[in-house]
Amino acid sequence: MILEEPLKSPKVFISYSWTSKKHQEWVLELAKRLKSSGIEVILDVWHLKVGHDKHWFMEQIQSEAVDKVLIICDESYMDKANNRVGGVGNETQIITPSVFEDVKQEKFIPIISERDISGKDYIPTFIKTRMYIDLSNSEKYEENLESLIRNLYNAPQYREPALGKPPAFLFENEIDHYETKTVLRKMKNALENHPSRIEFLSEEFIDAFIGCLNELQISNESIKDVSMLDELVKEKIDKSLPLRDDFIDFLKLLIESDKLDSEIFVELFEKMFVYTDKLSGVQHSYEYQFDQFKFLLNEIVLYTFLFMFKYKKFDIITELLDGEYQLKGVGLSNLHEFSFYLPSLDSLKTKLKINKVNYHADVLIQRSKNLKQELINTDLLIFHLVRFRDSSIYSTWFPKTYIYNGYHIPKIKFYFRLKSEKYALSVLRVFGLNSIEELQEKIEDFETVGYQQLFEKAPTPKQFIKYDEIATKI
């Protein structure tokens, strides 16, 4: 346990006028409240004894041992200070030079204890322009007393935050995503004022997103040394992170607006797939010149499903799993086409001696921030659901991040809730099945996959829910 360093008790001098018995009691009560809060108080009725020199007592105002001087402002104090009369006048002569010599002087704090019938405060001329604390209103007394105590301890309620780092978009190694950010701002505004525009702006976002991909290209001219191509790919992957984050914000806005349509994602996936191979008109390309696009597309698909599961958008999940994708160079295909093997990251792993089973998975995890477990769960769920639809080895979504569960298999809420009959029936379509019995059979017979070099295979559905537990609760 980390122990907090105790706050130093501040020391304050109270300067006030002996206006009336009532006012003296008010000052005394304030002093007692401060003392009870751990603040050392110098007050004449406590510390000015018979035989003491009054001027010596007043000159403690200037002592370095005194952290703050509280100037209790009522009508009598103002008159005596302005006219330099009595003890208040003497204290004023001591205080005034310090106040006028330093416009940022924080040692002297005016405390308003009284106002006139029109509400005007009584503040002496020499501190007229200083910020004060108002204790004249009984309704606001406690709130403002807390502000005073915070000030004395130098512990304000609103602390200035630490100076941060320059925005990431200022650096060359990050993609220029001004266009996607602009559309997101429009969408946020539309969500509040013109919800009907969200669908139109969704198309605008996809166009802006695809436009940004051009910055991730690795041209033949930029490849001076083919052996460095794997490093160029990794640089482009790193550069794509702000664009990935914009997509997550886009997802959240669509969910909040309730304007979800699976066609939005189908269109985006298909357009991104174009970039995973050489563009039209390019005669020659290297083996993994486009791996950065494969990485980003795989990640975009993962986060699409992550948020659809998070917010129970099962219709969208079903449509994306059952849908056909018109992919350049492939034709009509299914979701498993977006589970890529990236030789560039394997090459870089060997070159840099990175001790990871799968560097692609490791980079996904590094970028997942506080969504790590949800990302791993989503990767597994897509693997399971694709496999439910087609168990052939050629149509598998490989759940590359499963190794980051270690030996701990966490609960996946989607499976845990299958114990409810109502819930199980409502999500049968997500599995591509028609009955509880069929679901039980598929879960019991599920065959898994895994990394060849590891004994541990990817978890199967029955590690999250036993087939005979499904639909057992009403």
Protein backbone atom coordinates (compact mmCIF):
# COMPACT_ATOMS: atom_id res chain seq x y z
CA MET A 1 0.00 0.00 0.00
CA ILE A 2 1.29 3.48 -0.91
CA LEU A 3 1.06 5.91 2.02
CA GLU A 4 0.25 9.51 1.19
CA GLU A 5 2.72 12.08 2.46
CA PRO A 6 1.02 14.11 5.25
CA LEU A 7 0.17 17.72 4.39
CA LYS A 8 2.16 20.41 6.17
CA SER A 9 0.00 22.39 8.62
CA PRO A 10 -0.19 25.98 7.38
CA LYS A 11 0.25 28.92 9.76
CA VAL A 12 -2.06 31.94 9.43
CA PHE A 13 -2.31 35.38 11.06
CA ILE A 14 -5.80 36.86 11.44
CA SER A 15 -6.02 40.64 11.07
CA TYR A 16 -9.38 42.11 12.09
CA SER A 17 -11.10 45.02 13.84
CA TRP A 18 -12.62 44.85 17.31
CA THR A 19 -15.88 46.11 15.86
CA SER A 20 -18.34 44.55 18.30
CA LYS A 21 -18.67 41.62 20.64
CA LYS A 22 -20.67 39.78 17.97
CA HIS A 23 -17.97 40.35 15.35
CA GLN A 24 -15.22 39.23 17.75
CA GLU A 25 -17.14 36.01 18.36
CA TRP A 26 -17.53 35.53 14.60
CA VAL A 27 -13.74 35.85 14.17
CA LEU A 28 -13.11 33.55 17.12
CA GLU A 29 -15.44 30.90 15.67
CA LEU A 30 -13.61 31.11 12.33
CA ALA A 31 -10.27 30.68 14.10
CA LYS A 32 -11.59 27.62 15.95
CA ARG A 33 -12.85 26.05 12.70
CA LEU A 34 -9.44 26.58 11.12
CA LYS A 35 -7.67 25.10 14.15
CA SER A 36 -9.96 22.04 14.03
CA SER A 37 -8.85 21.59 10.40
CA GLY A 38 -5.19 21.39 11.42
CA ILE A 39 -4.34 25.02 10.65
CA GLU A 40 -2.13 26.92 13.09
CA VAL A 41 -3.77 30.30 13.87
CA ILE A 42 -2.17 33.43 15.32
CA LEU A 43 -4.96 35.43 16.95
CA ASP A 44 -4.52 38.37 19.34
CA VAL A 45 -6.92 37.02 21.98
CA TRP A 46 -4.86 33.84 22.13
CA HIS A 47 -1.32 35.08 21.62
CA LEU A 48 -1.06 38.79 22.60
CA LYS A 49 -0.41 38.70 26.31
CA VAL A 50 -0.15 41.46 28.91
CA GLY A 51 3.32 43.00 28.70
CA HIS A 52 3.84 42.00 25.05
CA ASP A 53 4.83 44.68 22.53
CA LYS A 54 1.85 45.25 20.23
CA HIS A 55 4.06 46.25 17.31
CA TRP A 56 6.13 43.08 17.70
CA PHE A 57 2.92 41.07 17.53
CA MET A 58 1.75 42.87 14.39
CA GLU A 59 5.12 42.48 12.68
CA GLN A 60 4.65 38.69 12.72
CA ILE A 61 2.60 39.40 9.60
CA GLN A 62 5.90 39.77 7.73
CA SER A 63 7.45 36.67 9.27
CA GLU A 64 8.38 33.90 6.85
CA ALA A 65 6.91 31.46 9.37
CA VAL A 66 3.44 32.87 8.62
CA ASP A 67 2.10 31.32 5.41
CA LYS A 68 -1.05 33.43 5.00
CA VAL A 69 -2.63 36.56 6.50
CA LEU A 70 -6.42 36.58 6.63
CA ILE A 71 -7.80 40.11 6.46
CA ILE A 72 -11.31 40.07 7.91
CA CYS A 73 -13.20 42.79 6.04
CA ASP A 74 -16.15 44.52 7.67
CA GLU A 75 -17.18 48.18 7.67
CA SER A 76 -15.03 49.09 10.70
CA TYR A 77 -11.92 47.40 9.31
CA MET A 78 -12.32 49.18 5.97
CA ASP A 79 -12.68 52.60 7.60
CA LYS A 80 -9.71 52.11 9.93
CA ALA A 81 -7.51 50.71 7.16
CA ASN A 82 -8.32 53.49 4.71
CA ASN A 83 -7.73 56.17 7.38
CA ARG A 84 -4.76 54.40 9.01
CA VAL A 85 -6.47 54.44 12.43
CA GLY A 86 -5.60 52.26 15.45
CA GLY A 87 -4.16 48.78 15.36
CA VAL A 88 -5.80 48.09 12.01
CA GLY A 89 -4.10 51.19 10.61
CA ASN A 90 -0.73 49.97 11.87
CA GLU A 91 -1.23 46.52 10.39
CA THR A 92 -2.28 48.13 7.11
CA GLN A 93 1.02 50.07 6.99
CA ILE A 94 2.88 46.78 7.44
CA ILE A 95 0.85 44.89 4.82
CA THR A 96 0.50 47.57 2.10
CA PRO A 97 4.11 47.58 0.78
CA SER A 98 4.07 43.81 0.28
CA VAL A 99 0.74 43.97 -1.52
CA PHE A 100 1.74 46.77 -3.90
CA GLU A 101 5.21 45.38 -4.63
CA ASP A 102 3.90 42.06 -5.94
CA VAL A 103 0.72 41.89 -8.03
CA LYS A 104 0.80 38.09 -7.66
CA GLN A 105 1.07 38.27 -3.86
CA GLU A 106 -0.90 35.31 -2.47
CA LYS A 107 0.00 35.69 1.20
CA PHE A 108 -2.78 38.19 1.99
CA ILE A 109 -6.35 36.91 1.60
CA PRO A 110 -9.33 39.26 2.03
CA ILE A 111 -12.20 37.55 3.89
CA ILE A 112 -15.61 39.23 3.47
CA SER A 113 -17.45 38.99 6.79
CA GLU A 114 -20.04 41.73 6.17
CA ARG A 115 -21.81 43.58 3.33
CA ASP A 116 -23.89 46.74 3.32
CA ILE A 117 -27.67 46.77 2.77
CA SER A 118 -27.17 46.94 -1.00
CA GLY A 119 -24.88 43.90 -0.96
CA LYS A 120 -21.66 45.82 -1.53
CA ASP A 121 -18.58 44.43 0.19
CA TYR A 122 -16.40 46.36 2.64
CA ILE A 123 -12.86 46.01 1.26
CA PRO A 124 -10.07 48.49 2.09
CA THR A 125 -8.58 50.35 -0.86
CA PHE A 126 -5.16 48.70 -0.59
CA ILE A 127 -6.60 45.24 -1.37
CA LYS A 128 -9.62 46.32 -3.45
CA THR A 129 -8.44 44.47 -6.56
CA ARG A 130 -7.51 41.23 -4.81
CA MET A 131 -9.45 37.99 -5.12
CA TYR A 132 -11.36 37.35 -1.90
CA ILE A 133 -13.32 34.64 -0.10
CA ASP A 134 -16.84 35.51 0.91
CA LEU A 135 -17.96 34.24 4.33
CA SER A 136 -20.72 36.84 4.77
CA ASN A 137 -23.52 34.60 3.47
CA SER A 138 -24.61 31.90 5.93
CA GLU A 139 -25.99 29.74 3.11
CA LYS A 140 -22.63 29.71 1.32
CA TYR A 141 -20.48 29.75 4.46
CA GLU A 142 -19.54 26.07 4.58
CA GLU A 143 -18.84 25.84 0.86
CA ASN A 144 -16.64 28.94 0.89
CA LEU A 145 -14.92 27.94 4.14
CA GLU A 146 -13.88 24.72 2.40
CA SER A 147 -12.42 26.84 -0.42
CA LEU A 148 -10.44 28.83 2.15
CA ILE A 149 -9.11 25.70 3.83
CA ARG A 150 -8.13 24.24 0.46
CA ASN A 151 -6.33 27.48 -0.35
CA LEU A 152 -4.43 27.42 2.93
CA TYR A 153 -3.32 23.84 2.31
CA ASN A 154 -2.62 24.59 -1.35
CA ALA A 155 -5.01 21.79 -2.27
CA PRO A 156 -7.49 23.36 -4.72
CA GLN A 157 -10.61 21.49 -5.76
CA TYR A 158 -9.73 21.95 -9.43
CA ARG A 159 -6.10 21.09 -10.01
CA GLU A 160 -4.33 22.08 -13.17
CA PRO A 161 -3.55 18.84 -15.04
CA ALA A 162 0.01 17.88 -15.85
CA LEU A 163 1.32 19.06 -19.18
CA GLY A 164 0.69 16.32 -21.73
CA LYS A 165 2.57 15.24 -24.79
CA PRO A 166 2.13 16.89 -28.20
CA PRO A 167 -0.83 15.41 -30.13
CA ALA A 168 0.10 12.26 -32.00
CA PHE A 169 -1.12 13.64 -35.33
CA LEU A 170 1.76 16.13 -35.34
CA PHE A 171 4.28 13.40 -36.05
CA GLU A 172 5.14 12.06 -39.45
CA ASN A 173 4.82 8.40 -38.44
CA GLU A 174 1.06 8.74 -38.06
CA ILE A 175 -1.48 8.82 -40.81
CA ASP A 176 -3.19 12.07 -41.77
CA HIS A 177 -6.75 11.28 -40.73
CA TYR A 178 -8.16 14.80 -40.88
CA GLU A 179 -10.95 13.73 -43.27
CA THR A 180 -12.24 10.91 -41.07
CA LYS A 181 -12.05 13.15 -37.99
CA THR A 182 -14.05 15.81 -39.83
CA VAL A 183 -16.81 13.35 -40.74
CA LEU A 184 -16.91 12.07 -37.15
CA ARG A 185 -17.47 15.63 -35.92
CA LYS A 186 -20.32 15.99 -38.42
CA MET A 187 -21.82 12.72 -37.20
CA LYS A 188 -21.66 13.80 -33.56
CA ASN A 189 -23.44 17.02 -34.48
CA ALA A 190 -26.02 15.15 -36.55
CA LEU A 191 -26.67 12.74 -33.69
CA GLU A 192 -27.78 15.69 -31.55
CA ASN A 193 -29.48 17.85 -34.16
CA HIS A 194 -30.17 15.94 -37.42
CA PRO A 195 -30.25 12.14 -36.81
CA SER A 196 -31.59 11.52 -40.31
CA ARG A 197 -28.20 12.57 -41.74
CA ILE A 198 -26.30 9.73 -40.03
CA GLU A 199 -26.84 7.27 -42.91
CA PHE A 200 -25.55 9.75 -45.47
CA LEU A 201 -22.57 10.62 -43.29
CA SER A 202 -21.79 6.91 -42.85
CA GLU A 203 -21.11 6.68 -46.56
CA GLU A 204 -19.03 9.82 -46.35
CA PHE A 205 -16.98 8.28 -43.53
CA ILE A 206 -16.29 5.10 -45.54
CA ASP A 207 -15.12 7.18 -48.52
CA ALA A 208 -12.85 9.23 -46.23
CA PHE A 209 -11.53 6.08 -44.55
CA ILE A 210 -10.69 4.41 -47.86
CA GLY A 211 -9.06 7.63 -49.06
CA CYS A 212 -6.75 7.58 -46.04
CA LEU A 213 -5.52 4.09 -46.97
CA ASN A 214 -3.45 5.53 -49.80
CA GLU A 215 -1.03 6.86 -47.19
CA LEU A 216 -0.31 3.29 -46.12
CA GLN A 217 0.89 2.23 -49.58
CA ILE A 218 4.48 1.08 -49.97
CA SER A 219 5.51 2.05 -53.48
CA ASN A 220 8.12 0.10 -55.41
CA GLU A 221 10.25 3.25 -55.49
CA SER A 222 10.34 3.44 -51.68
CA ILE A 223 11.75 -0.08 -51.38
CA LYS A 224 15.50 0.51 -51.54
CA ASP A 225 16.35 -2.79 -49.88
CA VAL A 226 13.93 -5.73 -50.09
CA SER A 227 15.30 -7.13 -46.83
CA MET A 228 13.91 -4.03 -45.09
CA LEU A 229 10.38 -4.47 -46.47
CA ASP A 230 9.16 -6.23 -43.31
CA GLU A 231 10.21 -3.18 -41.29
CA LEU A 232 8.40 -0.84 -43.70
CA VAL A 233 5.24 -2.95 -43.26
CA LYS A 234 5.46 -2.65 -39.47
CA GLU A 235 5.95 1.14 -39.75
CA LYS A 236 2.79 1.37 -41.86
CA ILE A 237 0.87 -0.79 -39.37
CA ASP A 238 1.93 1.55 -36.56
CA LYS A 239 0.96 4.53 -38.66
CA SER A 240 -2.57 3.15 -39.12
CA LEU A 241 -3.53 3.21 -35.42
CA PRO A 242 -5.30 6.63 -35.46
CA LEU A 243 -7.36 5.43 -38.42
CA ARG A 244 -8.31 2.28 -36.50
CA ASP A 245 -9.35 4.46 -33.55
CA ASP A 246 -11.49 6.62 -35.84
CA PHE A 247 -13.25 3.47 -37.00
CA ILE A 248 -14.00 2.53 -33.38
CA ASP A 249 -15.49 6.01 -32.82
CA PHE A 250 -17.52 5.51 -36.01
CA LEU A 251 -18.86 2.20 -34.66
CA LYS A 252 -19.87 3.79 -31.37
CA LEU A 253 -21.71 6.62 -33.14
CA LEU A 254 -23.61 4.18 -35.36
CA ILE A 255 -24.63 2.13 -32.33
CA GLU A 256 -25.70 5.22 -30.41
CA SER A 257 -27.72 6.50 -33.36
CA ASP A 258 -29.34 3.08 -33.91
CA LYS A 259 -28.55 3.41 -37.62
CA LEU A 260 -26.70 0.11 -37.99
CA ASP A 261 -26.83 -1.72 -41.29
CA SER A 262 -24.63 -4.70 -42.13
CA GLU A 263 -24.22 -3.34 -45.69
CA ILE A 264 -22.13 -0.49 -44.27
CA PHE A 265 -19.55 -3.01 -43.05
CA VAL A 266 -19.78 -5.28 -46.10
CA GLU A 267 -19.00 -2.29 -48.30
CA LEU A 268 -16.06 -1.25 -46.13
CA PHE A 269 -14.57 -4.76 -45.96
CA GLU A 270 -14.85 -5.20 -49.73
CA LYS A 271 -13.26 -1.84 -50.47
CA MET A 272 -10.41 -2.47 -48.02
CA PHE A 273 -9.76 -5.91 -49.56
CA VAL A 274 -8.83 -4.22 -52.84
CA TYR A 275 -5.70 -2.90 -51.12
CA THR A 276 -4.51 -6.35 -50.04
CA ASP A 277 -3.04 -7.03 -53.49
CA LYS A 278 -1.32 -4.92 -56.11
CA LEU A 279 -3.45 -2.16 -57.58
CA SER A 280 -4.55 -2.10 -61.20
CA GLY A 281 -1.79 -1.00 -63.55
CA VAL A 282 1.06 -2.08 -61.24
CA GLN A 283 3.09 -4.76 -63.05
CA HIS A 284 5.37 -5.91 -60.26
CA SER A 285 5.08 -6.24 -56.49
CA TYR A 286 6.92 -7.96 -53.66
CA GLU A 287 5.58 -10.81 -51.56
CA TYR A 288 4.37 -8.91 -48.54
CA GLN A 289 4.12 -5.38 -49.84
CA PHE A 290 0.44 -5.23 -48.80
CA ASP A 291 0.53 -6.93 -45.41
CA GLN A 292 -0.21 -3.64 -43.63
CA PHE A 293 -3.63 -3.56 -45.33
CA LYS A 294 -4.29 -7.20 -44.41
CA PHE A 295 -3.45 -6.44 -40.79
CA LEU A 296 -5.75 -3.40 -40.67
CA LEU A 297 -8.64 -5.18 -42.42
CA ASN A 298 -8.39 -8.13 -40.03
CA GLU A 299 -8.36 -5.69 -37.10
CA ILE A 300 -11.33 -3.72 -38.43
CA VAL A 301 -13.37 -6.92 -38.77
CA LEU A 302 -12.43 -7.94 -35.22
CA TYR A 303 -13.53 -4.61 -33.74
CA THR A 304 -16.75 -4.61 -35.75
CA PHE A 305 -17.72 -7.92 -34.16
CA LEU A 306 -16.39 -6.87 -30.76
CA PHE A 307 -18.81 -3.94 -30.57
CA MET A 308 -21.69 -5.88 -32.13
CA PHE A 309 -21.33 -8.51 -29.39
CA LYS A 310 -20.83 -5.87 -26.72
CA TYR A 311 -24.13 -4.19 -27.60
CA LYS A 312 -25.98 -7.40 -28.55
CA LYS A 313 -26.48 -6.51 -32.22
CA PHE A 314 -27.10 -10.14 -33.13
CA ASP A 315 -28.90 -9.40 -36.40
CA ILE A 316 -25.82 -7.59 -37.72
CA ILE A 317 -23.52 -10.41 -36.52
CA THR A 318 -25.69 -13.00 -38.28
CA GLU A 319 -25.79 -11.05 -41.53
CA LEU A 320 -22.01 -10.56 -41.55
CA LEU A 321 -21.43 -14.26 -40.85
CA ASP A 322 -23.92 -15.45 -43.45
CA GLY A 323 -23.18 -12.79 -46.03
CA GLU A 324 -21.18 -13.20 -49.23
CA TYR A 325 -18.40 -10.75 -50.02
CA GLN A 326 -17.46 -9.77 -53.57
CA LEU A 327 -13.68 -9.72 -53.26
CA LYS A 328 -11.19 -8.63 -55.87
CA GLY A 329 -9.28 -11.60 -57.27
CA VAL A 330 -11.37 -14.07 -55.24
CA GLY A 331 -14.96 -13.56 -56.27
CA LEU A 332 -17.79 -14.37 -53.88
CA SER A 333 -16.47 -15.55 -50.55
CA ASN A 334 -17.10 -15.62 -46.81
CA LEU A 335 -15.81 -13.95 -43.67
CA HIS A 336 -12.86 -16.34 -43.27
CA GLU A 337 -11.11 -14.50 -46.14
CA PHE A 338 -10.30 -11.71 -43.67
CA SER A 339 -8.21 -13.98 -41.43
CA PHE A 340 -4.79 -13.41 -42.96
CA TYR A 341 -1.36 -14.92 -42.50
CA LEU A 342 1.27 -12.14 -42.60
CA PRO A 343 4.72 -13.39 -43.66
CA SER A 344 6.20 -9.92 -43.15
CA LEU A 345 5.58 -10.06 -39.39
CA ASP A 346 6.95 -13.60 -39.24
CA SER A 347 10.07 -12.34 -41.02
CA LEU A 348 10.41 -9.40 -38.62
CA LYS A 349 9.92 -11.68 -35.62
CA THR A 350 12.87 -13.82 -36.76
CA LYS A 351 15.04 -10.85 -37.69
CA LEU A 352 14.53 -9.03 -34.37
CA LYS A 353 14.50 -12.25 -32.33
CA ILE A 354 11.07 -11.45 -30.91
CA ASN A 355 10.14 -14.19 -28.47
CA LYS A 356 6.46 -14.48 -29.38
CA VAL A 357 4.44 -17.37 -30.75
CA ASN A 358 2.75 -15.09 -33.26
CA TYR A 359 3.90 -11.50 -33.78
CA HIS A 360 0.68 -10.58 -35.61
CA ALA A 361 -1.33 -11.56 -32.51
CA ASP A 362 1.12 -9.70 -30.28
CA VAL A 363 0.70 -6.44 -32.23
CA LEU A 364 -3.10 -6.79 -32.07
CA ILE A 365 -2.88 -7.19 -28.30
CA GLN A 366 -0.48 -4.24 -27.93
CA ARG A 367 -2.97 -2.01 -29.78
CA SER A 368 -6.05 -3.27 -27.91
CA LYS A 369 -5.50 -1.09 -24.80
CA ASN A 370 -8.35 -1.71 -22.33
CA LEU A 371 -10.20 -3.98 -24.78
CA LYS A 372 -7.68 -6.83 -24.64
CA GLN A 373 -9.93 -9.51 -23.16
CA GLU A 374 -12.90 -8.52 -25.28
CA LEU A 375 -10.69 -8.72 -28.38
CA ILE A 376 -9.48 -12.23 -27.48
CA ASN A 377 -13.07 -13.34 -26.78
CA THR A 378 -14.27 -11.88 -30.08
CA ASP A 379 -11.50 -13.61 -32.02
CA LEU A 380 -12.59 -16.92 -30.49
CA LEU A 381 -16.29 -16.28 -31.10
CA ILE A 382 -15.73 -15.54 -34.78
CA PHE A 383 -13.67 -18.74 -35.06
CA HIS A 384 -16.45 -20.76 -33.42
CA LEU A 385 -19.28 -19.22 -35.43
CA VAL A 386 -17.50 -19.51 -38.79
CA ARG A 387 -16.69 -23.14 -37.93
CA PHE A 388 -20.33 -23.85 -37.04
CA ARG A 389 -21.26 -22.82 -40.57
CA ASP A 390 -18.47 -24.67 -42.38
CA SER A 391 -16.11 -27.04 -40.61
CA SER A 392 -13.79 -27.56 -43.57
CA ILE A 393 -10.16 -26.70 -42.98
CA TYR A 394 -10.19 -24.26 -45.88
CA SER A 395 -12.83 -21.97 -44.41
CA THR A 396 -11.47 -21.43 -40.93
CA TRP A 397 -11.03 -18.16 -39.13
CA PHE A 398 -7.85 -18.76 -37.16
CA PRO A 399 -8.16 -17.25 -33.61
CA LYS A 400 -4.55 -16.08 -33.41
CA THR A 401 -4.95 -14.20 -30.09
CA TYR A 402 -6.19 -17.18 -28.04
CA ILE A 403 -2.67 -17.76 -26.66
CA TYR A 404 -3.00 -14.53 -24.63
CA ASN A 405 -5.51 -16.23 -22.35
CA GLY A 406 -2.67 -18.37 -21.03
CA TYR A 407 -3.98 -21.19 -18.89
CA HIS A 408 -6.90 -19.07 -17.74
CA ILE A 409 -10.11 -19.49 -19.71
CA PRO A 410 -12.34 -16.48 -18.89
CA LYS A 411 -16.10 -16.48 -19.03
CA ILE A 412 -17.65 -15.31 -22.27
CA LYS A 413 -21.02 -13.78 -21.46
CA PHE A 414 -22.47 -14.79 -24.83
CA TYR A 415 -21.97 -18.47 -23.93
CA PHE A 416 -22.75 -18.17 -20.23
CA ARG A 417 -26.20 -16.79 -21.01
CA LEU A 418 -27.08 -19.82 -23.17
CA LYS A 419 -28.29 -21.46 -19.95
CA SER A 420 -31.42 -19.35 -20.40
CA GLU A 421 -33.88 -21.01 -22.77
CA LYS A 422 -35.24 -17.68 -23.96
CA TYR A 423 -31.76 -16.35 -24.67
CA ALA A 424 -30.59 -19.54 -26.37
CA LEU A 425 -33.59 -19.51 -28.71
CA SER A 426 -33.04 -15.82 -29.51
CA VAL A 427 -29.41 -16.38 -30.63
CA LEU A 428 -29.78 -19.63 -32.57
CA ARG A 429 -29.56 -17.62 -35.79
CA VAL A 430 -26.12 -16.33 -34.70
CA PHE A 431 -24.91 -19.96 -34.74
CA GLY A 432 -26.63 -20.53 -38.10
CA LEU A 433 -28.76 -23.25 -36.50
CA ASN A 434 -32.48 -23.97 -36.12
CA SER A 435 -32.89 -25.83 -32.81
CA ILE A 436 -31.49 -26.20 -29.32
CA GLU A 437 -30.79 -29.88 -30.02
CA GLU A 438 -28.73 -29.00 -33.07
CA LEU A 439 -26.78 -26.43 -31.03
CA GLN A 440 -26.08 -28.97 -28.28
CA GLU A 441 -24.82 -31.48 -30.83
CA LYS A 442 -22.59 -28.97 -32.61
CA ILE A 443 -21.04 -27.77 -29.35
CA GLU A 444 -20.35 -31.32 -28.16
CA ASP A 445 -18.72 -32.34 -31.48
CA PHE A 446 -16.76 -29.12 -32.10
CA GLU A 447 -13.19 -29.72 -33.32
CA THR A 448 -10.63 -27.02 -32.67
CA VAL A 449 -7.36 -25.81 -34.15
CA GLY A 450 -4.18 -24.36 -32.70
CA TYR A 451 -0.59 -23.36 -33.31
CA GLN A 452 1.46 -26.32 -34.55
CA GLN A 453 4.28 -25.61 -32.11
CA LEU A 454 1.95 -25.54 -29.09
CA PHE A 455 0.18 -28.32 -27.23
CA GLU A 456 -2.65 -26.01 -26.15
CA LYS A 457 -5.31 -25.63 -28.84
CA ALA A 458 -7.86 -22.83 -29.13
CA PRO A 459 -10.69 -23.21 -26.58
CA THR A 460 -13.86 -24.87 -27.86
CA PRO A 461 -17.41 -23.71 -27.05
CA LYS A 462 -17.85 -26.52 -24.50
CA GLN A 463 -15.08 -25.00 -22.41
CA PHE A 464 -17.45 -22.07 -21.85
CA ILE A 465 -20.80 -23.91 -21.75
CA LYS A 466 -21.58 -27.62 -21.37
CA TYR A 467 -24.00 -28.89 -23.97
CA ASP A 468 -26.40 -30.25 -21.32
CA GLU A 469 -26.55 -26.84 -19.57
CA ILE A 470 -27.99 -25.09 -22.62
CA ALA A 471 -31.58 -23.86 -22.24
CA THR A 472 -31.96 -25.40 -18.78
CA LYS A 473 -33.29 -22.22 -17.19
CA ILE A 474 -36.52 -20.49 -18.01
